[in-house]
Protein backbone atom coordinates (compact mmCIF):
# COMPACT_ATOMS: atom_id res chain seq x y z
CA MET A 1 -45.80 -4.09 -19.88
CA THR A 2 -41.90 -4.10 -20.12
CA GLN A 3 -40.41 -4.70 -16.62
CA PRO A 4 -37.83 -1.82 -15.31
CA ILE A 5 -34.47 -2.36 -14.92
CA LYS A 6 -33.77 -2.07 -11.32
CA VAL A 7 -30.81 -0.25 -9.63
CA GLY A 8 -30.22 -0.32 -6.04
CA VAL A 9 -28.15 2.39 -4.01
CA ILE A 10 -27.20 1.88 -0.54
CA ALA A 11 -26.64 5.17 1.28
CA ASP A 12 -26.20 6.27 4.86
CA GLN A 13 -28.90 8.47 5.10
CA THR A 14 -29.27 8.37 9.04
CA GLY A 15 -26.31 7.93 11.58
CA PRO A 16 -22.90 9.77 11.65
CA LEU A 17 -22.32 9.80 7.59
CA SER A 18 -25.93 11.06 6.75
CA PHE A 19 -24.65 14.45 5.80
CA VAL A 20 -22.97 12.58 3.11
CA GLY A 21 -25.19 9.59 2.79
CA ILE A 22 -28.30 12.00 2.01
CA ALA A 23 -26.23 13.68 -0.91
CA ASN A 24 -25.49 10.30 -2.32
CA ALA A 25 -29.14 9.28 -2.70
CA ASN A 26 -29.79 12.56 -4.10
CA VAL A 27 -27.30 12.11 -6.94
CA ALA A 28 -28.53 8.78 -7.39
CA ARG A 29 -31.94 10.27 -8.31
CA MET A 30 -30.72 13.09 -10.31
CA VAL A 31 -29.25 10.73 -12.54
CA VAL A 32 -31.71 7.93 -12.68
CA ASP A 33 -34.39 10.74 -13.39
CA ASP A 34 -32.05 12.15 -16.34
CA LEU A 35 -31.79 8.63 -17.81
CA ASN A 36 -35.51 7.92 -17.75
CA ARG A 37 -36.09 11.27 -19.29
CA ALA A 38 -33.75 10.29 -22.34
CA GLY A 39 -35.72 7.18 -22.47
CA GLY A 40 -34.39 5.02 -20.08
CA LEU A 41 -31.86 2.01 -21.05
CA LEU A 42 -32.79 -0.59 -23.78
CA GLY A 43 -36.22 0.93 -24.09
CA ARG A 44 -36.93 0.24 -20.52
CA ARG A 45 -37.66 2.58 -17.69
CA ILE A 46 -35.03 2.32 -14.82
CA GLU A 47 -36.44 1.86 -11.17
CA LEU A 48 -34.24 3.25 -8.45
CA ILE A 49 -34.44 1.52 -5.07
CA VAL A 50 -32.58 3.63 -2.43
CA GLU A 51 -32.10 1.92 1.03
CA ASP A 52 -30.67 3.30 4.11
CA SER A 53 -27.59 1.78 5.47
CA ALA A 54 -27.75 4.29 8.76
CA THR A 55 -23.65 4.13 8.98
CA ASP A 56 -23.97 0.45 10.28
CA ASP A 57 -22.21 -2.25 8.40
CA GLY A 58 -24.91 -4.91 9.61
CA VAL A 59 -27.78 -2.74 8.23
CA ALA A 60 -25.85 -2.63 4.90
CA ALA A 61 -25.55 -5.94 4.68
CA THR A 62 -28.98 -6.76 5.45
CA LYS A 63 -30.01 -4.04 2.85
CA ALA A 64 -27.94 -5.63 0.02
CA ALA A 65 -29.44 -8.70 0.81
CA LYS A 66 -32.85 -7.56 0.24
CA LEU A 67 -32.08 -5.68 -2.94
CA VAL A 68 -30.63 -9.05 -4.36
CA GLN A 69 -33.08 -11.46 -2.85
CA LYS A 70 -36.53 -9.48 -2.98
CA ASP A 71 -36.11 -6.56 -5.35
CA LYS A 72 -33.73 -8.55 -7.70
CA VAL A 73 -31.61 -5.35 -8.88
CA ASP A 74 -29.39 -5.52 -11.87
CA VAL A 75 -26.88 -3.52 -10.37
CA ILE A 76 -26.11 -2.18 -6.79
CA LEU A 77 -23.80 0.98 -5.83
CA GLY A 78 -23.19 2.82 -2.42
CA GLY A 79 -21.09 2.37 0.59
CA ILE A 80 -18.81 4.78 1.86
CA TYR A 81 -16.33 3.40 4.80
CA SER A 82 -14.32 0.38 3.22
CA SER A 83 -15.89 -1.91 6.20
CA THR A 84 -19.22 -1.14 4.60
CA ARG A 85 -18.07 -2.29 1.22
CA GLN A 86 -17.02 -5.71 2.75
CA ALA A 87 -20.31 -6.16 4.40
CA ILE A 88 -22.06 -5.42 0.98
CA LYS A 89 -19.83 -7.46 -0.83
CA LYS A 90 -20.88 -10.65 0.84
CA PRO A 91 -24.67 -10.93 0.32
CA ALA A 92 -24.68 -8.77 -2.86
CA VAL A 93 -21.46 -10.26 -4.70
CA THR A 94 -20.12 -13.09 -3.15
CA GLU A 95 -23.47 -15.09 -2.47
CA GLY A 96 -25.65 -13.04 -4.68
CA ARG A 97 -23.48 -12.93 -7.70
CA THR A 98 -24.69 -9.18 -8.51
CA LEU A 99 -22.86 -6.57 -10.05
CA TYR A 100 -21.52 -3.97 -7.45
CA ILE A 101 -20.12 -0.76 -8.30
CA TYR A 102 -18.12 0.95 -4.95
CA PRO A 103 -18.21 4.87 -5.42
CA GLU A 104 -15.82 6.09 -2.73
CA GLN A 105 -12.31 7.02 -2.68
CA TYR A 106 -10.69 4.14 -0.76
CA GLU A 107 -7.40 1.95 -0.36
CA GLY A 108 -7.65 0.25 -3.25
CA GLU A 109 -6.69 -3.48 -3.89
CA GLU A 110 -10.31 -4.61 -4.49
CA ALA A 111 -10.11 -7.24 -7.15
CA ASP A 112 -13.43 -9.10 -7.57
CA PRO A 113 -14.70 -9.87 -11.16
CA LEU A 114 -18.01 -8.52 -10.29
CA ILE A 115 -17.04 -5.15 -8.47
CA PHE A 116 -15.92 -2.06 -10.22
CA CYS A 117 -14.27 1.09 -8.43
CA THR A 118 -15.18 4.38 -9.53
CA GLY A 119 -13.38 6.72 -6.65
CA PRO A 120 -9.76 7.63 -6.26
CA VAL A 121 -6.79 5.23 -4.96
CA PRO A 122 -3.44 5.85 -3.17
CA ALA A 123 -1.75 5.96 -6.36
CA GLN A 124 -3.94 8.64 -7.58
CA GLN A 125 -3.92 10.64 -4.01
CA VAL A 126 -0.93 9.90 -1.94
CA GLU A 127 1.41 9.52 -4.76
CA PRO A 128 0.92 12.86 -6.31
CA LEU A 129 0.19 15.00 -3.06
CA ILE A 130 2.99 13.96 -0.65
CA PRO A 131 5.93 14.79 -3.02
CA TRP A 132 4.36 17.91 -3.92
CA LEU A 133 3.67 18.91 -0.27
CA MET A 134 7.45 18.11 0.97
CA GLN A 135 8.47 19.95 -1.99
CA GLU A 136 6.50 22.91 -1.55
CA THR A 137 6.52 23.23 2.51
CA GLY A 138 9.84 21.40 3.04
CA ALA A 139 7.92 19.04 5.85
CA ARG A 140 9.85 15.74 6.58
CA LYS A 141 8.21 14.46 9.86
CA PHE A 142 4.76 12.96 9.73
CA TYR A 143 2.48 11.83 12.24
CA MET A 144 -0.67 9.66 11.27
CA PRO A 145 -3.66 9.61 13.79
CA SER A 146 -6.10 7.04 12.33
CA ALA A 147 -9.39 5.20 12.54
CA ASP A 148 -9.07 1.53 13.45
CA TYR A 149 -10.27 -0.04 9.92
CA ILE A 150 -8.84 -1.36 6.70
CA TRP A 151 -8.73 2.00 4.93
CA PRO A 152 -6.55 3.83 7.02
CA ARG A 153 -4.02 1.09 7.73
CA VAL A 154 -3.57 0.54 3.66
CA LEU A 155 -3.43 3.96 3.11
CA ASN A 156 -1.08 4.86 5.89
CA ARG A 157 1.37 2.05 4.43
CA LYS A 158 1.55 4.07 1.10
CA VAL A 159 2.13 7.29 2.97
CA ARG A 160 5.03 5.35 5.03
CA GLU A 161 6.41 4.31 1.59
CA VAL A 162 6.29 7.54 -0.18
CA VAL A 163 7.59 9.70 2.65
CA THR A 164 10.55 7.37 3.60
CA ALA A 165 11.41 7.41 -0.06
CA ARG A 166 11.93 10.98 -0.13
CA GLY A 167 14.00 11.23 3.13
CA GLY A 168 11.26 11.92 5.47
CA SER A 169 10.09 9.92 8.56
CA ILE A 170 7.00 9.05 10.31
CA VAL A 171 6.92 9.79 13.96
CA ASP A 172 4.03 7.49 15.02
CA GLU A 173 1.10 5.85 13.52
CA VAL A 174 -1.56 5.16 16.08
CA TYR A 175 -5.32 3.69 15.59
CA PHE A 176 -8.34 4.56 17.47
CA PRO A 177 -12.01 2.92 17.16
CA LEU A 178 -14.21 5.15 15.34
CA ASP A 179 -16.31 6.37 18.18
CA HIS A 180 -13.16 7.50 20.07
CA THR A 181 -13.38 11.30 21.06
CA GLU A 182 -10.35 11.76 23.61
CA TYR A 183 -7.08 12.87 22.05
CA GLY A 184 -5.32 14.66 24.40
CA ALA A 185 -2.45 12.32 24.81
CA THR A 186 -1.90 12.26 20.77
CA VAL A 187 -2.15 15.84 20.43
CA ASP A 188 0.26 16.48 23.25
CA LYS A 189 2.78 13.97 21.51
CA ILE A 190 2.24 15.88 18.26
CA MET A 191 3.06 19.21 19.79
CA SER A 192 6.19 18.02 21.61
CA SER A 193 7.63 15.78 19.06
CA GLY A 194 8.43 18.52 16.51
CA VAL A 195 5.93 16.90 13.84
CA GLU A 196 5.32 18.99 10.70
CA VAL A 197 2.46 17.45 8.88
CA VAL A 198 -0.34 15.62 10.53
CA PHE A 199 -1.84 13.00 7.99
CA ASN A 200 -5.27 12.20 9.43
CA THR A 201 -7.52 9.23 8.65
CA ILE A 202 -9.69 9.53 11.80
CA VAL A 203 -13.12 9.65 10.53
CA PRO A 204 -16.62 10.71 11.92
CA PRO A 205 -18.03 10.69 14.66
CA GLY A 206 -14.42 10.80 16.13
CA LEU A 207 -13.33 13.54 13.58
CA THR A 208 -14.71 16.71 15.12
CA PRO A 209 -13.39 16.32 18.38
CA PHE A 210 -9.76 15.15 17.09
CA LEU A 211 -9.85 18.60 14.75
CA ALA A 212 -10.79 20.75 17.68
CA GLN A 213 -8.36 19.35 20.23
CA LEU A 214 -5.43 19.56 17.59
CA HIS A 215 -6.61 23.46 16.81
CA GLU A 216 -6.55 24.31 20.59
CA ALA A 217 -3.20 23.27 21.14
CA GLY A 218 -2.21 25.27 18.37
CA PHE A 219 -0.73 23.25 15.78
CA THR A 220 -1.26 25.01 12.79
CA LYS A 221 -0.52 28.29 14.32
CA ARG A 222 2.91 27.38 15.05
CA GLY A 223 3.27 26.07 11.32
CA GLY A 224 1.99 22.44 11.31
CA ARG A 225 0.45 21.36 8.20
CA LEU A 226 -2.92 19.21 8.23
CA VAL A 227 -3.45 16.61 5.36
CA CYS A 228 -6.75 14.61 5.00
CA THR A 229 -7.19 13.04 1.46
CA TYR A 230 -11.08 12.59 1.91
CA PHE A 231 -11.82 16.01 2.91
CA ASP A 232 -14.20 17.84 0.76
CA GLU A 233 -16.77 20.59 1.04
CA ASN A 234 -19.61 18.39 2.82
CA PHE A 235 -16.71 17.80 5.86
CA LEU A 236 -16.04 21.35 5.94
CA ASN A 237 -19.61 22.30 6.87
CA MET A 238 -19.04 19.87 9.85
CA VAL A 239 -16.46 21.75 11.79
CA PRO A 240 -15.62 25.66 12.40
CA ALA A 241 -13.76 26.84 9.49
CA ALA A 242 -10.68 27.77 11.78
CA HIS A 243 -10.17 24.23 12.80
CA VAL A 244 -9.21 23.18 9.36
CA GLU A 245 -7.70 26.38 7.80
CA GLY A 246 -4.81 25.36 5.49
CA LEU A 247 -5.95 21.71 5.51
CA TYR A 248 -4.65 20.08 2.37
CA SER A 249 -6.54 17.41 0.32
CA CYS A 250 -6.25 15.47 -3.07
CA LEU A 251 -9.50 14.29 -4.72
CA ASP A 252 -11.16 13.70 -7.98
CA TYR A 253 -13.37 16.81 -7.73
CA TYR A 254 -13.86 19.73 -6.04
CA GLN A 255 -16.56 22.62 -6.36
CA GLY A 256 -13.84 25.06 -7.30
CA VAL A 257 -13.11 22.93 -10.45
CA SER A 258 -14.39 25.16 -13.16
CA ASP A 259 -14.68 23.35 -16.62
CA PRO A 260 -18.07 24.01 -17.98
CA PHE A 261 -19.81 20.57 -17.60
CA SER A 262 -18.68 20.69 -13.65
CA THR A 263 -19.93 23.70 -13.14
CA GLN A 264 -23.25 23.20 -14.87
CA LEU A 265 -23.63 19.83 -12.77
CA LEU A 266 -23.27 21.45 -9.52
CA ALA A 267 -25.44 24.18 -10.30
CA ARG A 268 -28.23 21.73 -11.31
CA TYR A 269 -27.57 19.61 -8.11
CA ASN A 270 -28.16 22.85 -5.92
CA ALA A 271 -31.20 23.70 -7.62
CA LEU A 272 -32.78 20.39 -7.13
CA TYR A 273 -31.35 19.66 -3.77
CA PRO A 274 -30.74 23.32 -1.81
CA GLY A 275 -29.17 22.60 1.54
CA ALA A 276 -26.48 21.12 3.72
CA ALA A 277 -26.01 17.83 1.77
CA GLN A 278 -23.69 18.96 -1.18
CA PHE A 279 -22.59 17.63 -4.45
CA THR A 280 -18.73 16.75 -3.37
CA GLY A 281 -15.95 14.55 -4.51
CA GLY A 282 -14.78 12.87 -0.97
CA SER A 283 -18.32 12.06 -0.02
CA ALA A 284 -18.59 9.44 -3.30
CA CYS A 285 -21.10 11.84 -5.05
CA SER A 286 -18.75 12.29 -7.73
CA GLY A 287 -18.09 8.27 -7.81
CA LEU A 288 -21.61 7.95 -7.78
CA TYR A 289 -22.62 10.09 -10.49
CA ARG A 290 -19.90 8.50 -12.83
CA GLY A 291 -20.69 4.81 -11.70
CA LEU A 292 -24.19 4.96 -12.85
CA MET A 293 -23.31 6.92 -16.12
CA LEU A 294 -20.41 4.24 -16.95
CA TRP A 295 -23.10 1.36 -16.27
CA ALA A 296 -25.51 3.04 -18.22
CA ALA A 297 -22.76 3.46 -20.97
CA ALA A 298 -21.81 -0.22 -20.36
CA VAL A 299 -25.69 -1.77 -20.70
CA SER A 300 -26.06 0.40 -23.92
CA GLU A 301 -23.09 -1.10 -25.33
CA ALA A 302 -23.76 -4.60 -24.33
CA GLY A 303 -27.56 -4.13 -25.62
CA SER A 304 -28.70 -6.32 -22.88
CA LEU A 305 -28.71 -7.05 -19.18
CA GLU A 306 -26.94 -10.36 -19.46
CA GLN A 307 -24.07 -10.11 -16.84
CA GLY A 308 -21.26 -11.19 -18.65
CA ALA A 309 -21.77 -8.61 -21.49
CA VAL A 310 -22.30 -5.60 -19.15
CA VAL A 311 -18.97 -6.74 -17.21
CA LYS A 312 -16.98 -6.98 -20.50
CA ALA A 313 -18.44 -3.45 -21.48
CA LEU A 314 -17.73 -1.96 -18.19
CA ASP A 315 -14.03 -3.14 -18.40
CA HIS A 316 -13.55 -0.49 -20.92
CA ALA A 317 -16.15 1.85 -20.21
CA LYS A 318 -15.42 5.77 -20.36
CA ILE A 319 -17.43 8.84 -20.07
CA ALA A 320 -16.34 12.08 -21.84
CA GLN A 321 -17.67 14.50 -19.41
CA GLY A 322 -18.09 14.21 -15.57
CA PRO A 323 -17.72 16.15 -12.11
CA GLY A 324 -13.98 17.05 -12.46
CA GLY A 325 -13.81 15.76 -15.98
CA GLY A 326 -14.01 12.60 -18.16
CA ALA A 327 -13.29 9.20 -16.54
CA ALA A 328 -11.82 5.84 -18.36
CA MET A 329 -11.96 2.25 -16.76
CA VAL A 330 -8.59 1.01 -17.39
CA PRO A 331 -9.19 -2.24 -18.84
CA GLY A 332 -8.57 -5.17 -16.50
CA GLN A 333 -8.07 -3.08 -13.47
CA HIS A 334 -11.93 -2.23 -12.65
CA HIS A 335 -10.64 1.29 -11.41
CA LEU A 336 -10.68 4.75 -13.28
CA ARG A 337 -7.95 6.79 -14.75
CA LEU A 338 -9.40 10.17 -13.19
CA ASN A 339 -8.57 13.48 -13.13
CA MET A 340 -7.29 14.61 -9.76
CA TYR A 341 -6.67 17.91 -7.93
CA ILE A 342 -4.67 19.40 -4.78
CA ALA A 343 -6.73 21.83 -2.88
CA GLN A 344 -6.40 23.37 0.33
CA ALA A 345 -9.32 24.75 2.83
CA GLN A 346 -9.17 28.51 2.72
CA GLY A 347 -12.01 30.47 4.76
CA GLY A 348 -14.30 27.54 4.68
CA ARG A 349 -13.91 26.92 1.02
CA PHE A 350 -11.51 24.59 -0.68
CA LYS A 351 -9.36 26.30 -3.32
CA VAL A 352 -7.89 24.20 -6.14
CA LEU A 353 -4.03 24.39 -5.90
CA LYS A 354 -2.99 22.32 -8.68
CA ASN A 355 -4.65 20.37 -11.57
CA LEU A 356 -2.73 17.15 -11.81
CA GLY A 357 -4.29 16.03 -14.88
CA ALA A 358 -5.26 12.38 -15.51
CA ILE A 359 -3.69 9.58 -12.83
CA GLU A 360 -3.62 6.10 -13.42
CA PRO A 361 -4.78 3.84 -10.67
CA LYS A 362 -2.07 1.35 -10.84
CA GLU A 363 -4.33 -1.45 -9.28
CA ARG A 364 -3.55 -4.88 -10.28
CA VAL A 365 -5.32 -6.93 -12.77
CA VAL A 366 -8.65 -8.61 -12.09
CA ALA A 367 -8.48 -12.27 -12.33
């Protein structure tokens, strides 16, 4: 009997990110089932092995080691936090020499020959969103409350660069542990300093108390603008709609994107997995979907699972259809040219305000 092709997915199915990790696991099952119904790859069935990283980087590293050493998977996908990507990278890529596809929007700058990234980066989020926001609202004074790890620090560097280049200023940039919950002093400073835009990179579990405290202080009521580039429909479900009313985001996919393929894909996911764990963009569902489909296209082109051949094919892989539209790997960069959208939270849903079209990732060439 022909051995199956093994695909490993690491998803936070428990812990603070379980509301998105469960959705990621669902997407992986949906895509692999689709591929198997179509005959699998290279005439072989795909076996999906889903591991729960429990929103814990140490657990993610352990599960990555298991997938490589015990299960001997051909590819690993998954991880939300950038720190989780780094935790997976050591046992999977550095030591295990296994192909790894990271599906989340993130800070960019990953350039390992065995890692491909299928979510948006700062050039695709910050570079179009901030100038548009400043022009639309006239806002010039920004405040950046942040979680203390690599993604906020690198993303904030890009925000500072774009804001100041357009005559704006950063009033402050402050960092908190991920589990921090008391933001009174920060909110007081936001309210007293005349800040017009809060660019938030605080993440769960600290996110909900921060948004509640900012709302209670009356920031948006007085005309303040709230921006969070990872916010999607799964995150909207976490908090009272009033706490994020008017929030701006910029992602590769929202449920309001209405091209026929995106609409059909969302309907199919909702029929298969009804409930709170929704198919969304900022939670890596869109990146996981296209990551699996691009990998499948690369394997088919290579005609084998030989890693060098798959990597070579994946370097220029593209899909004509996907959530939010088609996507194409930019040769040499291991990142995707993606359709991007600016959206705003209105009444507990995201309304797409602007279709930005296909945006380049502008990442450096992988050596």
